[in-house]
N, C-alpha and C. Protein backbone atom coordinates (compact mmCIF):
# COMPACT_ATOMS: atom_id res chain seq x y z
N MET A 1 15.23 7.15 2.68
CA MET A 1 13.79 7.53 3.60
C MET A 1 13.31 6.44 4.38
N THR A 2 12.66 6.70 5.12
CA THR A 2 11.72 5.77 5.97
C THR A 2 10.61 5.80 5.82
N ARG A 3 10.21 4.43 5.50
CA ARG A 3 8.85 4.09 5.49
C ARG A 3 7.85 4.29 6.64
N LEU A 4 7.00 4.59 5.93
CA LEU A 4 5.92 4.89 7.53
C LEU A 4 4.95 3.80 7.63
N LEU A 5 4.37 4.03 8.86
CA LEU A 5 3.70 2.81 9.14
C LEU A 5 2.10 3.12 9.44
N THR A 6 1.72 4.81 8.83
CA THR A 6 0.71 4.92 9.18
C THR A 6 0.43 6.17 7.91
N PRO A 7 -0.48 6.42 7.15
CA PRO A 7 -0.66 7.26 6.77
C PRO A 7 -1.07 8.90 7.32
N HIS A 8 -1.10 8.88 8.80
CA HIS A 8 -1.35 10.11 9.44
C HIS A 8 0.09 10.49 9.90
N ILE A 9 0.36 11.85 9.94
CA ILE A 9 1.57 12.13 10.35
C ILE A 9 1.31 13.65 11.04
N ALA A 10 2.22 13.93 12.23
CA ALA A 10 1.73 15.44 13.28
C ALA A 10 3.66 15.47 13.60
N THR A 11 3.76 17.15 13.87
CA THR A 11 5.33 17.38 14.03
C THR A 11 5.22 17.49 15.66
N ILE A 12 6.74 17.23 16.32
CA ILE A 12 6.40 17.70 17.80
C ILE A 12 5.60 18.89 17.99
N THR A 13 5.60 19.87 17.47
CA THR A 13 5.27 20.97 17.76
C THR A 13 3.63 20.92 17.37
N GLU A 14 3.07 19.92 16.75
CA GLU A 14 1.59 19.86 17.04
C GLU A 14 0.95 19.08 18.36
N LEU A 15 2.28 18.49 19.04
CA LEU A 15 1.88 17.25 19.90
C LEU A 15 1.57 18.77 21.28
N ARG A 16 1.20 19.82 21.01
CA ARG A 16 0.94 20.73 22.10
C ARG A 16 -0.24 20.51 22.61
N GLU A 17 -1.01 19.96 21.63
CA GLU A 17 -2.51 19.85 21.54
C GLU A 17 -2.69 18.26 21.00
N PRO A 18 -2.41 17.45 21.78
CA PRO A 18 -2.33 16.09 21.41
C PRO A 18 -4.00 15.62 21.12
N HIS A 19 -5.05 16.16 21.61
CA HIS A 19 -6.11 15.82 21.47
C HIS A 19 -7.05 16.26 19.83
N LYS A 20 -6.11 17.47 19.68
CA LYS A 20 -6.62 17.63 17.83
C LYS A 20 -5.99 16.67 17.15
N VAL A 21 -4.73 16.10 17.69
CA VAL A 21 -3.73 15.43 16.32
C VAL A 21 -4.76 14.02 16.82
N LEU A 22 -5.54 13.62 17.44
CA LEU A 22 -5.85 12.16 17.66
C LEU A 22 -7.03 12.19 16.76
N GLU A 23 -8.02 13.81 17.11
CA GLU A 23 -9.34 13.92 16.38
C GLU A 23 -9.06 13.53 14.74
N ARG A 24 -8.04 14.51 14.38
CA ARG A 24 -7.47 14.42 13.03
C ARG A 24 -7.20 13.13 12.51
N ALA A 25 -6.62 12.43 13.23
CA ALA A 25 -6.43 10.98 12.49
C ALA A 25 -7.90 9.81 12.77
N GLY A 26 -8.95 10.52 13.07
CA GLY A 26 -10.04 9.46 13.41
C GLY A 26 -9.61 8.11 14.19
N GLY A 27 -8.91 7.74 15.05
CA GLY A 27 -8.70 6.74 15.95
C GLY A 27 -7.66 5.82 15.50
N LYS A 28 -7.11 6.28 14.25
CA LYS A 28 -5.77 5.50 13.81
C LYS A 28 -4.43 5.90 14.37
N PRO A 29 -3.25 5.55 14.11
CA PRO A 29 -2.29 5.80 14.81
C PRO A 29 -1.78 6.77 14.08
N VAL A 30 -0.70 7.63 14.56
CA VAL A 30 -0.08 8.61 14.00
C VAL A 30 1.41 8.94 14.19
N ALA A 31 2.39 8.78 13.10
CA ALA A 31 3.55 8.85 13.12
C ALA A 31 4.12 10.23 13.58
N ILE A 32 4.83 10.60 14.64
CA ILE A 32 5.18 11.64 15.13
C ILE A 32 6.77 11.89 14.27
N LEU A 33 6.79 13.40 13.47
CA LEU A 33 7.77 13.51 13.07
C LEU A 33 8.74 14.73 13.86
N LYS A 34 10.09 14.55 13.70
CA LYS A 34 10.98 15.58 14.03
C LYS A 34 12.11 15.78 13.06
N ASN A 35 12.07 16.96 12.32
CA ASN A 35 12.88 17.60 11.41
C ASN A 35 13.08 16.08 9.98
N SER A 36 11.88 15.70 9.94
CA SER A 36 11.26 14.91 8.68
C SER A 36 11.84 13.66 9.11
N ALA A 37 11.77 12.88 10.37
CA ALA A 37 12.31 11.96 10.73
C ALA A 37 11.27 11.45 11.38
N VAL A 38 11.21 9.93 11.84
CA VAL A 38 10.43 9.76 12.48
C VAL A 38 10.58 9.48 14.15
N VAL A 39 10.03 9.71 14.95
CA VAL A 39 10.67 9.81 16.34
C VAL A 39 9.80 8.64 17.04
N ALA A 40 8.56 8.57 16.99
CA ALA A 40 7.57 7.83 17.61
C ALA A 40 6.10 7.52 16.94
N TYR A 41 5.58 6.97 17.24
CA TYR A 41 4.26 6.39 16.40
C TYR A 41 3.24 6.82 17.97
N LEU A 42 2.32 7.50 17.80
CA LEU A 42 1.62 7.97 18.77
C LEU A 42 0.17 6.87 18.20
N VAL A 43 -0.13 6.03 19.19
CA VAL A 43 -1.36 5.06 19.04
C VAL A 43 -2.33 5.19 20.14
N PRO A 44 -3.66 5.80 19.57
CA PRO A 44 -4.91 5.95 20.71
C PRO A 44 -5.19 4.44 21.34
N GLU A 45 -5.91 4.62 22.16
CA GLU A 45 -6.61 3.39 23.34
C GLU A 45 -7.51 2.48 21.66
N ALA A 46 -8.21 3.26 21.06
CA ALA A 46 -9.31 2.67 20.10
C ALA A 46 -8.60 1.90 19.07
N ALA A 47 -7.28 2.30 18.76
CA ALA A 47 -6.74 1.60 17.82
C ALA A 47 -5.89 -0.01 18.38
N VAL A 48 -5.98 -0.15 19.33
CA VAL A 48 -5.32 -1.40 20.09
C VAL A 48 -6.21 -2.59 20.20
N ASP A 49 -5.78 -3.40 19.61
CA ASP A 49 -6.54 -4.61 19.65
C ASP A 49 -6.66 -5.57 21.10
N THR A 50 -7.91 -5.43 21.80
CA THR A 50 -8.33 -5.92 22.77
C THR A 50 -8.68 -7.48 22.76
N GLY A 51 -8.88 -7.74 21.72
CA GLY A 51 -9.47 -9.11 21.64
C GLY A 51 -8.74 -10.31 22.50
N ALA A 52 -9.50 -11.25 23.03
CA ALA A 52 -8.95 -12.16 23.67
C ALA A 52 -8.11 -12.95 23.20
N HIS A 53 -6.80 -13.12 23.61
CA HIS A 53 -5.36 -13.75 22.99
C HIS A 53 -5.63 -15.36 24.15
N ARG A 54 -4.93 -16.06 23.26
CA ARG A 54 -4.72 -17.26 23.90
C ARG A 54 -3.04 -18.12 23.49
N VAL A 55 -2.80 -19.17 24.64
CA VAL A 55 -1.84 -19.43 24.38
C VAL A 55 -2.03 -20.91 23.07
N ALA A 56 -0.83 -21.10 22.14
CA ALA A 56 -0.83 -21.91 21.41
C ALA A 56 -0.65 -23.30 21.99
N THR A 57 -1.00 -24.51 21.36
CA THR A 57 -0.87 -25.38 22.60
C THR A 57 0.57 -26.51 22.02
N ARG A 58 1.06 -26.93 22.51
CA ARG A 58 2.09 -27.37 21.89
C ARG A 58 2.18 -28.35 20.44
N GLU A 59 0.62 -28.69 20.51
CA GLU A 59 0.76 -29.65 18.65
C GLU A 59 0.35 -28.49 17.94
N GLU A 60 -0.09 -27.47 18.20
CA GLU A 60 -0.16 -26.62 17.30
C GLU A 60 1.01 -25.66 16.72
N VAL A 61 2.02 -25.77 17.92
CA VAL A 61 3.78 -25.17 17.43
C VAL A 61 4.30 -26.10 16.60
N MET A 62 3.96 -27.12 17.21
CA MET A 62 4.77 -28.59 16.60
C MET A 62 4.11 -28.64 15.15
N ALA A 63 3.09 -28.40 14.70
CA ALA A 63 2.28 -28.45 13.26
C ALA A 63 2.84 -27.31 12.51
N TYR A 64 3.01 -26.21 12.95
CA TYR A 64 3.61 -25.04 12.51
C TYR A 64 5.25 -25.18 12.09
N ILE A 65 5.44 -25.71 12.85
CA ILE A 65 7.21 -25.91 12.76
C ILE A 65 7.33 -27.20 11.24
N ASP A 66 6.64 -27.87 11.66
CA ASP A 66 6.80 -29.22 10.46
C ASP A 66 6.49 -28.38 9.16
N ALA A 67 5.20 -27.49 9.09
CA ALA A 67 4.94 -26.89 7.96
C ALA A 67 5.88 -25.98 7.18
N SER A 68 6.57 -25.62 8.38
CA SER A 68 7.46 -24.76 7.69
C SER A 68 8.79 -25.27 7.32
N ARG A 69 9.08 -26.30 7.78
CA ARG A 69 10.53 -26.82 7.68
C ARG A 69 11.10 -26.90 6.19
N GLY A 70 9.85 -27.19 5.19
CA GLY A 70 10.20 -27.24 3.84
C GLY A 70 10.66 -25.85 3.40
N ARG A 71 10.32 -24.98 4.17
CA ARG A 71 10.72 -23.28 3.36
C ARG A 71 12.14 -23.15 3.90
N VAL A 72 12.59 -23.55 5.57
CA VAL A 72 13.13 -23.00 6.17
C VAL A 72 14.73 -23.95 6.16
N GLN A 73 14.23 -25.11 5.71
CA GLN A 73 15.65 -26.26 6.05
C GLN A 73 16.70 -25.67 5.05
N PRO A 74 16.73 -25.47 3.58
CA PRO A 74 17.92 -24.86 3.48
C PRO A 74 18.60 -23.93 3.85
N VAL A 75 17.90 -22.74 4.51
CA VAL A 75 18.99 -21.77 5.36
C VAL A 75 19.49 -22.67 7.15
N LEU A 76 18.72 -23.54 7.32
CA LEU A 76 19.45 -24.64 8.40
C LEU A 76 20.61 -24.86 8.30
N ASP A 77 20.34 -25.80 6.78
CA ASP A 77 21.48 -26.34 6.27
C ASP A 77 22.54 -25.58 5.64
N TYR A 78 22.64 -24.57 5.77
CA TYR A 78 23.66 -23.61 5.37
C TYR A 78 24.14 -23.50 6.48
N LEU A 79 23.65 -22.72 7.78
CA LEU A 79 23.98 -22.40 8.65
C LEU A 79 24.80 -23.39 9.67
N LYS A 80 24.50 -24.59 9.65
CA LYS A 80 25.11 -25.66 10.12
C LYS A 80 26.45 -25.81 9.73
N ASP A 81 26.89 -25.80 8.41
CA ASP A 81 28.14 -25.75 8.10
C ASP A 81 28.93 -24.51 8.76
N LYS A 82 28.46 -23.45 8.99
CA LYS A 82 29.29 -22.28 9.37
C LYS A 82 29.72 -22.10 10.65
């Protein structure tokens, strides 16, 4: 069974009136189901993060790589031999 990424669901048939689906979900994303399988997610504009994003600096990226090196090094060593 597929794990849903939201507690709100609707069927394809209910999408005939999308405003009602969005009102019922209270501004949260809605999983759209067809024959009990997820076919899409409907994400209202209110649920999208519109905060300011910035690009990481080279120093920040290198610091992250150095911090994660101990965790990923065994995998890198294993893949080196393949």
